[in-house]
Amino acid sequence: MNKNERKLILLSVLLWLASLPCEVFPGYIGMEVLVLGTLFGWMVGIGYFAVYANPVYAVLLVQGWFGRGGKAVRVSLLAVMWGLALLTFTLDKIIVSEAPTYVSAAYGAGLYLWFAALAVATVASIRGWRQTDSRLPEQTVCRIRK
């Protein structure tokens, strides 16, 4: 891994951290969505599964930072991460109380920062495997003795 990839990973982490105090949905900041969604998202509906893209994102970053995992593993993680993250857009209403009371889904800055963090992590991952694929193995020279 070179310095540019590490810079991209750090930028992705900073964007992700910046999304936590920002409003994601009406009445919910990123930290609330992360905690409540992780604990209870599986009980509510398919759109709430988007929060589970965060652990996949974390694994992708760790593999990218330490240079672990091959191209197939990274592609699989990216596919799962984006598949889960895009489930956000299946939400047409958000639960705002246990009554249950719903409001229509509106997206705040936190959601856009979160998607930006995922996009930067994707670019870092693609750069990582492009550079590892471009390195050719050392060629051995065979000499034939007569």
Protein backbone atom coordinates (compact mmCIF):
# COMPACT_ATOMS: atom_id res chain seq x y z
CA MET A 1 0.00 0.00 0.00
CA ASN A 2 1.33 3.40 -0.88
CA LYS A 3 0.82 6.79 0.76
CA ASN A 4 -2.02 7.81 -1.55
CA GLU A 5 -4.11 4.79 -0.61
CA ARG A 6 -3.54 5.46 3.08
CA LYS A 7 -4.56 9.09 2.57
CA LEU A 8 -7.76 7.95 0.88
CA ILE A 9 -8.52 5.56 3.73
CA LEU A 10 -7.91 8.32 6.28
CA LEU A 11 -10.15 10.68 4.31
CA SER A 12 -12.85 8.00 4.26
CA VAL A 13 -12.61 7.53 8.03
CA LEU A 14 -12.80 11.30 8.58
CA LEU A 15 -15.91 11.55 6.40
CA TRP A 16 -17.48 8.63 8.27
CA LEU A 17 -16.70 10.23 11.64
CA ALA A 18 -18.07 13.57 10.38
CA SER A 19 -21.34 11.85 9.49
CA LEU A 20 -21.96 10.66 13.06
CA PRO A 21 -23.02 14.00 14.65
CA CYS A 22 -25.00 15.10 11.57
CA GLU A 23 -28.68 14.50 10.97
CA VAL A 24 -29.30 11.46 8.77
CA PHE A 25 -33.09 11.25 8.93
CA PRO A 26 -35.58 13.64 10.57
CA GLY A 27 -34.92 13.47 14.29
CA TYR A 28 -31.96 11.07 14.09
CA ILE A 29 -28.25 11.82 14.02
CA GLY A 30 -25.74 9.37 12.60
CA MET A 31 -24.68 7.95 15.97
CA GLU A 32 -28.31 7.15 16.86
CA VAL A 33 -28.86 5.47 13.51
CA LEU A 34 -25.67 3.46 13.95
CA VAL A 35 -26.50 2.24 17.47
CA LEU A 36 -30.27 1.81 17.20
CA GLY A 37 -30.10 0.46 13.66
CA THR A 38 -27.49 -2.12 14.58
CA LEU A 39 -29.45 -3.30 17.58
CA PHE A 40 -33.00 -3.18 16.22
CA GLY A 41 -32.81 -2.65 12.45
CA TRP A 42 -33.30 -6.30 11.64
CA MET A 43 -36.71 -6.25 13.37
CA VAL A 44 -38.23 -3.34 11.43
CA GLY A 45 -37.79 -3.83 7.71
CA ILE A 46 -35.43 -4.41 4.82
CA GLY A 47 -34.51 -0.74 4.41
CA TYR A 48 -33.10 -0.66 7.91
CA PHE A 49 -30.53 -3.31 6.98
CA ALA A 50 -28.44 -0.54 5.39
CA VAL A 51 -26.77 0.08 8.75
CA TYR A 52 -25.07 -3.32 8.45
CA ALA A 53 -22.90 -1.92 5.66
CA ASN A 54 -20.80 -0.32 8.44
CA PRO A 55 -19.13 -3.54 9.68
CA VAL A 56 -18.38 -4.53 6.08
CA TYR A 57 -16.93 -1.04 5.55
CA ALA A 58 -14.71 -1.52 8.62
CA VAL A 59 -13.41 -4.88 7.38
CA LEU A 60 -12.72 -3.35 3.96
CA LEU A 61 -10.72 -0.52 5.54
CA VAL A 62 -8.69 -2.85 7.75
CA GLN A 63 -7.87 -5.08 4.78
CA GLY A 64 -6.92 -2.05 2.71
CA TRP A 65 -4.76 -0.53 5.44
CA PHE A 66 -2.81 -3.72 6.12
CA GLY A 67 -2.79 -4.90 2.51
CA ARG A 68 -4.59 -8.13 3.28
CA GLY A 69 -7.06 -9.92 1.04
CA GLY A 70 -6.94 -10.35 -2.67
CA LYS A 71 -8.95 -8.82 -5.44
CA ALA A 72 -11.79 -11.33 -5.13
CA VAL A 73 -12.21 -10.61 -1.42
CA ARG A 74 -12.26 -6.85 -1.96
CA VAL A 75 -14.74 -7.07 -4.81
CA SER A 76 -17.00 -9.27 -2.68
CA LEU A 77 -16.81 -6.86 0.26
CA LEU A 78 -17.55 -3.89 -1.99
CA ALA A 79 -20.56 -5.66 -3.49
CA VAL A 80 -21.98 -6.55 -0.08
CA MET A 81 -21.25 -3.07 1.32
CA TRP A 82 -22.94 -1.23 -1.55
CA GLY A 83 -25.80 -3.72 -1.70
CA LEU A 84 -26.57 -3.07 1.95
CA ALA A 85 -25.98 0.69 1.79
CA LEU A 86 -28.33 1.18 -1.14
CA LEU A 87 -31.15 -0.40 0.84
CA THR A 88 -31.43 3.05 2.46
CA PHE A 89 -33.37 4.24 -0.55
CA THR A 90 -36.09 1.63 -0.03
CA LEU A 91 -37.26 3.55 3.04
CA ASP A 92 -40.32 5.67 2.35
CA LYS A 93 -41.05 6.46 5.99
CA ILE A 94 -39.02 6.54 9.21
CA ILE A 95 -40.17 5.46 12.66
CA VAL A 96 -39.90 8.42 15.06
CA SER A 97 -41.53 6.97 18.18
CA GLU A 98 -42.64 3.67 19.63
CA ALA A 99 -46.34 4.53 19.14
CA PRO A 100 -45.44 3.88 16.14
CA THR A 101 -45.37 7.30 14.52
CA TYR A 102 -43.87 7.68 11.06
CA VAL A 103 -42.56 10.60 9.00
CA SER A 104 -41.65 10.54 5.35
CA ALA A 105 -38.01 9.76 4.65
CA ALA A 106 -35.87 12.83 4.11
CA TYR A 107 -32.12 12.63 3.91
CA GLY A 108 -29.78 14.86 5.87
CA ALA A 109 -26.11 15.78 5.53
CA GLY A 110 -25.07 12.77 7.61
CA LEU A 111 -26.36 10.37 4.99
CA TYR A 112 -24.50 12.16 2.21
CA LEU A 113 -21.28 12.18 4.25
CA TRP A 114 -21.72 8.46 4.92
CA PHE A 115 -22.12 7.71 1.22
CA ALA A 116 -19.09 9.90 0.46
CA ALA A 117 -17.05 7.87 2.97
CA LEU A 118 -18.15 4.63 1.29
CA ALA A 119 -17.29 6.05 -2.14
CA VAL A 120 -13.79 7.13 -1.04
CA ALA A 121 -13.22 3.67 0.49
CA THR A 122 -14.29 2.15 -2.83
CA VAL A 123 -11.79 4.30 -4.75
CA ALA A 124 -9.02 3.36 -2.28
CA SER A 125 -9.84 -0.33 -2.67
CA ILE A 126 -9.88 -0.15 -6.47
CA ARG A 127 -6.56 1.70 -6.49
CA GLY A 128 -5.14 -0.98 -4.20
CA TRP A 129 -5.98 -3.90 -6.41
CA ARG A 130 -5.06 -2.09 -9.63
CA GLN A 131 -1.57 -1.49 -8.30
CA THR A 132 -1.13 -5.05 -7.07
CA ASP A 133 -2.35 -6.40 -10.42
CA SER A 134 0.00 -4.16 -12.40
CA ARG A 135 3.09 -5.61 -10.74
CA LEU A 136 4.45 -8.40 -12.85
CA PRO A 137 6.23 -11.33 -11.25
CA GLU A 138 9.93 -11.41 -11.76
CA GLN A 139 10.85 -13.12 -14.96
CA THR A 140 13.33 -15.90 -14.74
CA VAL A 141 15.79 -16.40 -17.49
CA CYS A 142 16.52 -19.93 -18.50
CA ARG A 143 19.80 -20.63 -20.20
CA ILE A 144 20.07 -23.68 -22.32
CA ARG A 145 23.46 -25.32 -22.22
CA LYS A 146 24.70 -27.04 -25.32
